[in-house]
Amino acid sequence: MGRENSTSVTEFILLGLASKPEEQLVLFGVFTVIYLVALIGNMLILLLVSLDSRLHTPMYFFLGNLSVVDIGYISSTVPKMLANYLSRDMSISWAGCLSQMFFFISFGGIECLILGVMAYDRYVAICHPLHYCTFMRRRVCALLAAAA
């Protein structure tokens, strides 16, 4: 039997949006500002929901969970992109790419599920207002968030 000709992939090259260094610096600045605004906004939501006792309701509990998921979602890809804009090495290892894709897809799926749970919360609040406190107890909300 003859030997098979095979090649294994060890890394991928990320091309990005610009090839000129000046354009890369501008994009680095723009994406850094967007990333920081998203991080600070989500952290402020978490801080406000935890500090204000009037916001300790199911809707704001799920909004806090959505903020945590959003922080993970954007943090799974943006830091590598920003690092690539500053370095000459535009590659990512196979394992790094796989883990980045896993977290990106996982956080995206969790975000969709949390949005579905938030929609259910609003449905119960609108269609069954007298039973809302019974349906959306603290334990039920925690179980719904954990299931997502």
N, C-alpha and C. Protein backbone atom coordinates (compact mmCIF):
# COMPACT_ATOMS: atom_id res chain seq x y z
N MET A 1 0.83 -1.18 0.00
CA MET A 1 0.00 0.00 0.00
C MET A 1 0.88 1.24 0.00
N GLY A 2 0.47 2.20 -0.77
CA GLY A 2 1.22 3.44 -0.84
C GLY A 2 0.81 4.40 0.27
N ARG A 3 1.65 5.35 0.50
CA ARG A 3 1.35 6.37 1.51
C ARG A 3 0.37 7.38 0.93
N GLU A 4 -0.51 7.81 1.81
CA GLU A 4 -1.46 8.84 1.37
C GLU A 4 -0.83 10.21 1.50
N ASN A 5 -1.14 11.07 0.58
CA ASN A 5 -0.67 12.44 0.63
C ASN A 5 -1.67 13.24 1.45
N SER A 6 -1.25 13.70 2.61
CA SER A 6 -2.18 14.46 3.45
C SER A 6 -1.46 15.66 4.06
N THR A 7 -2.25 16.67 4.32
CA THR A 7 -1.75 17.89 4.93
C THR A 7 -2.67 18.24 6.09
N SER A 8 -2.09 18.66 7.18
CA SER A 8 -2.91 19.07 8.32
C SER A 8 -2.81 20.59 8.49
N VAL A 9 -3.92 21.18 8.83
CA VAL A 9 -3.98 22.62 9.02
C VAL A 9 -3.61 22.93 10.47
N THR A 10 -2.64 23.82 10.67
CA THR A 10 -2.23 24.17 12.03
C THR A 10 -2.63 25.59 12.40
N GLU A 11 -2.83 26.44 11.41
CA GLU A 11 -3.25 27.81 11.70
C GLU A 11 -3.96 28.41 10.49
N PHE A 12 -4.71 29.48 10.76
CA PHE A 12 -5.44 30.21 9.73
C PHE A 12 -4.93 31.64 9.70
N ILE A 13 -4.96 32.25 8.53
CA ILE A 13 -4.55 33.64 8.39
C ILE A 13 -5.81 34.49 8.27
N LEU A 14 -5.93 35.47 9.16
CA LEU A 14 -7.07 36.38 9.17
C LEU A 14 -6.69 37.63 8.38
N LEU A 15 -7.42 37.89 7.31
CA LEU A 15 -7.07 39.01 6.44
C LEU A 15 -7.54 40.35 6.97
N GLY A 16 -8.68 40.42 7.62
CA GLY A 16 -9.16 41.67 8.17
C GLY A 16 -9.84 42.54 7.13
N LEU A 17 -10.09 43.78 7.52
CA LEU A 17 -10.83 44.70 6.65
C LEU A 17 -9.93 45.64 5.87
N ALA A 18 -8.70 45.83 6.31
CA ALA A 18 -7.80 46.76 5.63
C ALA A 18 -6.40 46.16 5.56
N SER A 19 -5.65 46.57 4.54
CA SER A 19 -4.29 46.05 4.39
C SER A 19 -3.24 47.11 4.70
N LYS A 20 -3.59 48.38 4.61
CA LYS A 20 -2.62 49.44 4.89
C LYS A 20 -2.55 49.69 6.40
N PRO A 21 -1.36 49.93 6.92
CA PRO A 21 -1.21 50.16 8.37
C PRO A 21 -2.00 51.36 8.89
N GLU A 22 -2.11 52.41 8.08
CA GLU A 22 -2.87 53.60 8.51
C GLU A 22 -4.35 53.26 8.69
N GLU A 23 -4.88 52.49 7.75
CA GLU A 23 -6.29 52.08 7.83
C GLU A 23 -6.51 51.15 9.02
N GLN A 24 -5.53 50.28 9.28
CA GLN A 24 -5.65 49.36 10.41
C GLN A 24 -5.68 50.11 11.73
N LEU A 25 -4.90 51.18 11.85
CA LEU A 25 -4.91 51.96 13.08
C LEU A 25 -6.25 52.67 13.28
N VAL A 26 -6.82 53.18 12.19
CA VAL A 26 -8.13 53.83 12.28
C VAL A 26 -9.19 52.81 12.70
N LEU A 27 -9.17 51.64 12.06
CA LEU A 27 -10.13 50.59 12.42
C LEU A 27 -9.92 50.11 13.85
N PHE A 28 -8.65 50.04 14.29
CA PHE A 28 -8.38 49.67 15.67
C PHE A 28 -9.04 50.66 16.63
N GLY A 29 -8.90 51.94 16.35
CA GLY A 29 -9.50 52.96 17.20
C GLY A 29 -11.02 52.88 17.22
N VAL A 30 -11.61 52.73 16.05
CA VAL A 30 -13.08 52.67 15.95
C VAL A 30 -13.62 51.45 16.69
N PHE A 31 -13.04 50.28 16.44
CA PHE A 31 -13.53 49.06 17.08
C PHE A 31 -13.23 49.03 18.59
N THR A 32 -12.14 49.67 19.00
CA THR A 32 -11.86 49.75 20.43
C THR A 32 -12.91 50.59 21.13
N VAL A 33 -13.27 51.72 20.54
CA VAL A 33 -14.31 52.57 21.14
C VAL A 33 -15.65 51.83 21.20
N ILE A 34 -16.02 51.16 20.13
CA ILE A 34 -17.28 50.41 20.11
C ILE A 34 -17.27 49.31 21.16
N TYR A 35 -16.15 48.60 21.27
CA TYR A 35 -16.02 47.52 22.25
C TYR A 35 -16.12 48.05 23.67
N LEU A 36 -15.43 49.14 23.95
CA LEU A 36 -15.47 49.71 25.30
C LEU A 36 -16.86 50.25 25.64
N VAL A 37 -17.54 50.87 24.69
CA VAL A 37 -18.90 51.36 24.94
C VAL A 37 -19.83 50.19 25.25
N ALA A 38 -19.70 49.09 24.51
CA ALA A 38 -20.54 47.92 24.77
C ALA A 38 -20.23 47.32 26.13
N LEU A 39 -18.95 47.21 26.49
CA LEU A 39 -18.58 46.66 27.80
C LEU A 39 -19.08 47.55 28.94
N ILE A 40 -18.84 48.84 28.83
CA ILE A 40 -19.26 49.76 29.89
C ILE A 40 -20.77 49.80 30.00
N GLY A 41 -21.47 49.81 28.87
CA GLY A 41 -22.94 49.82 28.90
C GLY A 41 -23.50 48.58 29.58
N ASN A 42 -22.97 47.41 29.26
CA ASN A 42 -23.45 46.18 29.88
C ASN A 42 -23.10 46.12 31.36
N MET A 43 -21.92 46.62 31.72
CA MET A 43 -21.55 46.64 33.14
C MET A 43 -22.42 47.62 33.92
N LEU A 44 -22.77 48.74 33.30
CA LEU A 44 -23.67 49.69 33.97
C LEU A 44 -25.05 49.09 34.19
N ILE A 45 -25.53 48.34 33.22
CA ILE A 45 -26.82 47.66 33.39
C ILE A 45 -26.75 46.70 34.57
N LEU A 46 -25.69 45.91 34.64
CA LEU A 46 -25.52 44.97 35.76
C LEU A 46 -25.43 45.71 37.10
N LEU A 47 -24.69 46.80 37.13
CA LEU A 47 -24.54 47.56 38.35
C LEU A 47 -25.87 48.17 38.80
N LEU A 48 -26.60 48.78 37.88
CA LEU A 48 -27.87 49.40 38.24
C LEU A 48 -28.90 48.38 38.70
N VAL A 49 -28.97 47.25 38.02
CA VAL A 49 -29.94 46.21 38.39
C VAL A 49 -29.61 45.65 39.77
N SER A 50 -28.33 45.51 40.07
CA SER A 50 -27.97 44.93 41.37
C SER A 50 -28.12 45.94 42.51
N LEU A 51 -27.91 47.23 42.25
CA LEU A 51 -27.96 48.22 43.32
C LEU A 51 -29.37 48.73 43.64
N ASP A 52 -30.23 48.85 42.66
CA ASP A 52 -31.57 49.41 42.88
C ASP A 52 -32.55 48.28 43.19
N SER A 53 -33.10 48.30 44.39
CA SER A 53 -34.02 47.23 44.80
C SER A 53 -35.33 47.24 44.01
N ARG A 54 -35.69 48.38 43.43
CA ARG A 54 -36.92 48.43 42.62
C ARG A 54 -36.76 47.65 41.30
N LEU A 55 -35.51 47.37 40.93
CA LEU A 55 -35.24 46.64 39.70
C LEU A 55 -35.04 45.14 39.94
N HIS A 56 -35.36 44.67 41.10
CA HIS A 56 -35.24 43.24 41.39
C HIS A 56 -36.52 42.52 40.99
N THR A 57 -36.83 42.60 39.71
CA THR A 57 -38.00 41.94 39.13
C THR A 57 -37.51 40.97 38.05
N PRO A 58 -38.37 40.04 37.64
CA PRO A 58 -37.93 39.08 36.63
C PRO A 58 -37.39 39.72 35.35
N MET A 59 -38.04 40.77 34.87
CA MET A 59 -37.60 41.40 33.63
C MET A 59 -36.16 41.90 33.74
N TYR A 60 -35.83 42.56 34.85
CA TYR A 60 -34.48 43.08 35.01
C TYR A 60 -33.48 41.99 35.37
N PHE A 61 -33.95 40.92 36.00
CA PHE A 61 -33.09 39.77 36.24
C PHE A 61 -32.64 39.18 34.90
N PHE A 62 -33.57 39.03 33.97
CA PHE A 62 -33.22 38.50 32.65
C PHE A 62 -32.39 39.50 31.86
N LEU A 63 -32.64 40.77 32.05
CA LEU A 63 -31.84 41.79 31.38
C LEU A 63 -30.39 41.74 31.87
N GLY A 64 -30.19 41.51 33.17
CA GLY A 64 -28.84 41.34 33.70
C GLY A 64 -28.15 40.12 33.12
N ASN A 65 -28.92 39.02 33.00
CA ASN A 65 -28.36 37.81 32.38
C ASN A 65 -27.98 38.08 30.92
N LEU A 66 -28.83 38.83 30.22
CA LEU A 66 -28.54 39.17 28.83
C LEU A 66 -27.27 40.01 28.74
N SER A 67 -27.05 40.89 29.70
CA SER A 67 -25.84 41.71 29.71
C SER A 67 -24.59 40.85 29.90
N VAL A 68 -24.67 39.87 30.80
CA VAL A 68 -23.53 38.98 31.03
C VAL A 68 -23.22 38.19 29.75
N VAL A 69 -24.26 37.69 29.12
CA VAL A 69 -24.07 36.91 27.88
C VAL A 69 -23.50 37.80 26.78
N ASP A 70 -23.97 39.04 26.71
CA ASP A 70 -23.47 39.95 25.69
C ASP A 70 -22.00 40.28 25.91
N ILE A 71 -21.59 40.43 27.16
CA ILE A 71 -20.17 40.67 27.45
C ILE A 71 -19.33 39.49 26.95
N GLY A 72 -19.79 38.27 27.21
CA GLY A 72 -19.08 37.09 26.72
C GLY A 72 -19.09 36.99 25.21
N TYR A 73 -20.21 37.37 24.61
CA TYR A 73 -20.38 37.28 23.17
C TYR A 73 -19.38 38.18 22.44
N ILE A 74 -19.30 39.43 22.88
CA ILE A 74 -18.38 40.34 22.19
C ILE A 74 -16.93 40.09 22.59
N SER A 75 -16.72 39.57 23.79
CA SER A 75 -15.34 39.31 24.24
C SER A 75 -14.75 38.04 23.64
N SER A 76 -15.57 37.26 22.96
CA SER A 76 -15.04 36.03 22.36
C SER A 76 -14.32 36.30 21.04
N THR A 77 -14.58 37.40 20.39
CA THR A 77 -13.94 37.66 19.10
C THR A 77 -13.20 39.00 19.00
N VAL A 78 -13.73 40.03 19.62
CA VAL A 78 -13.18 41.37 19.41
C VAL A 78 -11.74 41.52 19.90
N PRO A 79 -11.35 41.00 21.07
CA PRO A 79 -9.95 41.18 21.48
C PRO A 79 -8.92 40.61 20.48
N LYS A 80 -9.21 39.46 19.89
CA LYS A 80 -8.29 38.90 18.89
C LYS A 80 -8.24 39.79 17.65
N MET A 81 -9.39 40.32 17.26
CA MET A 81 -9.42 41.22 16.12
C MET A 81 -8.59 42.48 16.40
N LEU A 82 -8.74 43.04 17.59
CA LEU A 82 -7.96 44.23 17.94
C LEU A 82 -6.46 43.92 17.99
N ALA A 83 -6.12 42.76 18.52
CA ALA A 83 -4.70 42.37 18.55
C ALA A 83 -4.15 42.21 17.14
N ASN A 84 -4.95 41.70 16.23
CA ASN A 84 -4.49 41.54 14.85
C ASN A 84 -4.26 42.88 14.17
N TYR A 85 -5.04 43.90 14.53
CA TYR A 85 -4.84 45.22 13.92
C TYR A 85 -3.52 45.84 14.37
N LEU A 86 -3.01 45.44 15.54
CA LEU A 86 -1.77 46.02 16.05
C LEU A 86 -0.53 45.20 15.71
N SER A 87 -0.69 43.93 15.39
CA SER A 87 0.48 43.09 15.16
C SER A 87 0.63 42.75 13.68
N ARG A 88 1.81 42.31 13.34
CA ARG A 88 2.08 41.87 11.97
C ARG A 88 1.62 40.42 11.77
N ASP A 89 1.53 39.68 12.84
CA ASP A 89 1.11 38.28 12.77
C ASP A 89 -0.42 38.22 12.74
N MET A 90 -0.98 37.92 11.60
CA MET A 90 -2.43 37.92 11.42
C MET A 90 -2.98 36.50 11.46
N SER A 91 -2.31 35.60 12.16
CA SER A 91 -2.76 34.21 12.15
C SER A 91 -3.40 33.85 13.49
N ILE A 92 -4.17 32.77 13.43
CA ILE A 92 -4.78 32.19 14.63
C ILE A 92 -4.60 30.69 14.53
N SER A 93 -4.26 30.08 15.65
CA SER A 93 -4.03 28.63 15.65
C SER A 93 -5.35 27.90 15.41
N TRP A 94 -5.24 26.65 15.04
CA TRP A 94 -6.44 25.84 14.80
C TRP A 94 -7.24 25.72 16.09
N ALA A 95 -6.55 25.44 17.20
CA ALA A 95 -7.24 25.32 18.49
C ALA A 95 -7.84 26.65 18.92
N GLY A 96 -7.13 27.75 18.67
CA GLY A 96 -7.66 29.08 19.00
C GLY A 96 -8.89 29.41 18.18
N CYS A 97 -8.87 29.08 16.91
CA CYS A 97 -10.02 29.31 16.04
C CYS A 97 -11.20 28.47 16.48
N LEU A 98 -10.94 27.22 16.81
CA LEU A 98 -12.00 26.32 17.25
C LEU A 98 -12.63 26.82 18.55
N SER A 99 -11.82 27.22 19.51
CA SER A 99 -12.37 27.70 20.78
C SER A 99 -13.10 29.02 20.60
N GLN A 100 -12.58 29.91 19.75
CA GLN A 100 -13.25 31.17 19.49
C GLN A 100 -14.61 30.93 18.84
N MET A 101 -14.67 30.03 17.87
CA MET A 101 -15.95 29.71 17.24
C MET A 101 -16.92 29.07 18.22
N PHE A 102 -16.42 28.17 19.10
CA PHE A 102 -17.27 27.53 20.09
C PHE A 102 -17.92 28.56 21.00
N PHE A 103 -17.12 29.47 21.55
CA PHE A 103 -17.67 30.47 22.46
C PHE A 103 -18.59 31.45 21.74
N PHE A 104 -18.24 31.84 20.53
CA PHE A 104 -19.07 32.77 19.77
C PHE A 104 -20.44 32.16 19.48
N ILE A 105 -20.45 30.92 19.01
CA ILE A 105 -21.71 30.26 18.70
C ILE A 105 -22.50 29.96 19.97
N SER A 106 -21.81 29.56 21.03
CA SER A 106 -22.48 29.25 22.30
C SER A 106 -23.14 30.50 22.88
N PHE A 107 -22.40 31.60 22.95
CA PHE A 107 -22.98 32.83 23.49
C PHE A 107 -24.11 33.35 22.60
N GLY A 108 -23.98 33.18 21.29
CA GLY A 108 -25.07 33.58 20.39
C GLY A 108 -26.32 32.76 20.64
N GLY A 109 -26.17 31.46 20.83
CA GLY A 109 -27.33 30.61 21.12
C GLY A 109 -27.95 30.93 22.46
N ILE A 110 -27.11 31.15 23.47
CA ILE A 110 -27.62 31.50 24.79
C ILE A 110 -28.38 32.82 24.73
N GLU A 111 -27.86 33.77 23.97
CA GLU A 111 -28.53 35.06 23.83
C GLU A 111 -29.93 34.89 23.23
N CYS A 112 -30.04 34.05 22.23
CA CYS A 112 -31.36 33.78 21.63
C CYS A 112 -32.31 33.15 22.64
N LEU A 113 -31.81 32.21 23.43
CA LEU A 113 -32.65 31.56 24.43
C LEU A 113 -33.07 32.53 25.52
N ILE A 114 -32.18 33.40 25.96
CA ILE A 114 -32.53 34.39 26.98
C ILE A 114 -33.58 35.35 26.42
N LEU A 115 -33.45 35.74 25.16
CA LEU A 115 -34.47 36.60 24.55
C LEU A 115 -35.82 35.90 24.50
N GLY A 116 -35.81 34.60 24.24
CA GLY A 116 -37.06 33.82 24.27
C GLY A 116 -37.66 33.78 25.66
N VAL A 117 -36.83 33.62 26.68
CA VAL A 117 -37.31 33.63 28.06
C VAL A 117 -37.87 35.00 28.42
N MET A 118 -37.22 36.05 27.96
CA MET A 118 -37.73 37.41 28.20
C MET A 118 -39.07 37.63 27.51
N ALA A 119 -39.23 37.06 26.33
CA ALA A 119 -40.51 37.16 25.63
C ALA A 119 -41.59 36.42 26.41
N TYR A 120 -41.27 35.25 26.97
CA TYR A 120 -42.23 34.50 27.78
C TYR A 120 -42.60 35.31 29.02
N ASP A 121 -41.63 35.96 29.64
CA ASP A 121 -41.90 36.80 30.81
C ASP A 121 -42.90 37.90 30.47
N ARG A 122 -42.71 38.55 29.35
CA ARG A 122 -43.63 39.63 28.96
C ARG A 122 -45.00 39.05 28.60
N TYR A 123 -45.03 37.89 27.98
CA TYR A 123 -46.30 37.23 27.65
C TYR A 123 -47.10 36.96 28.92
N VAL A 124 -46.44 36.41 29.93
CA VAL A 124 -47.13 36.12 31.19
C VAL A 124 -47.59 37.40 31.84
N ALA A 125 -46.76 38.45 31.81
CA ALA A 125 -47.13 39.72 32.43
C ALA A 125 -48.33 40.36 31.76
N ILE A 126 -48.46 40.19 30.44
CA ILE A 126 -49.55 40.83 29.70
C ILE A 126 -50.80 39.96 29.69
N CYS A 127 -50.66 38.68 29.44
CA CYS A 127 -51.82 37.80 29.27
C CYS A 127 -52.34 37.21 30.57
N HIS A 128 -51.51 37.14 31.58
CA HIS A 128 -51.93 36.57 32.87
C HIS A 128 -51.44 37.47 34.01
N PRO A 129 -51.89 38.72 34.05
CA PRO A 129 -51.35 39.65 35.05
C PRO A 129 -51.64 39.25 36.49
N LEU A 130 -52.78 38.62 36.74
CA LEU A 130 -53.12 38.24 38.11
C LEU A 130 -52.33 37.03 38.59
N HIS A 131 -51.84 36.22 37.66
CA HIS A 131 -51.07 35.03 38.01
C HIS A 131 -49.57 35.24 37.81
N TYR A 132 -49.18 36.45 37.46
CA TYR A 132 -47.78 36.73 37.13
C TYR A 132 -46.84 36.35 38.28
N CYS A 133 -47.17 36.76 39.49
CA CYS A 133 -46.29 36.47 40.64
C CYS A 133 -46.20 34.98 40.92
N THR A 134 -47.23 34.24 40.56
CA THR A 134 -47.21 32.79 40.76
C THR A 134 -46.35 32.11 39.70
N PHE A 135 -46.51 32.54 38.45
CA PHE A 135 -45.76 31.92 37.36
C PHE A 135 -44.28 32.29 37.38
N MET A 136 -43.97 33.52 37.70
CA MET A 136 -42.59 34.01 37.59
C MET A 136 -41.97 34.23 38.98
N ARG A 137 -41.97 33.20 39.79
CA ARG A 137 -41.29 33.25 41.09
C ARG A 137 -39.79 33.32 40.87
N ARG A 138 -39.08 33.69 41.92
CA ARG A 138 -37.62 33.83 41.83
C ARG A 138 -36.96 32.51 41.41
N ARG A 139 -37.44 31.39 41.94
CA ARG A 139 -36.87 30.08 41.60
C ARG A 139 -37.12 29.74 40.13
N VAL A 140 -38.31 30.05 39.63
CA VAL A 140 -38.65 29.78 38.23
C VAL A 140 -37.75 30.61 37.31
N CYS A 141 -37.54 31.87 37.67
CA CYS A 141 -36.67 32.73 36.86
C CYS A 141 -35.23 32.20 36.83
N ALA A 142 -34.76 31.77 37.98
CA ALA A 142 -33.40 31.21 38.04
C ALA A 142 -33.29 29.94 37.21
N LEU A 143 -34.32 29.09 37.26
CA LEU A 143 -34.31 27.87 36.45
C LEU A 143 -34.36 28.17 34.96
N LEU A 144 -35.17 29.15 34.58
CA LEU A 144 -35.25 29.52 33.16
C LEU A 144 -33.91 30.08 32.67
N ALA A 145 -33.28 30.92 33.48
CA ALA A 145 -31.99 31.48 33.08
C ALA A 145 -30.92 30.39 33.03
N ALA A 146 -30.94 29.48 33.98
CA ALA A 146 -29.96 28.38 33.98
C ALA A 146 -30.19 27.45 32.81
N ALA A 147 -31.44 27.22 32.45
CA ALA A 147 -31.74 26.35 31.30
C ALA A 147 -31.24 26.96 30.00
N ALA A 148 -31.30 28.28 29.91
CA ALA A 148 -30.80 28.95 28.72
C ALA A 148 -29.29 28.80 28.65
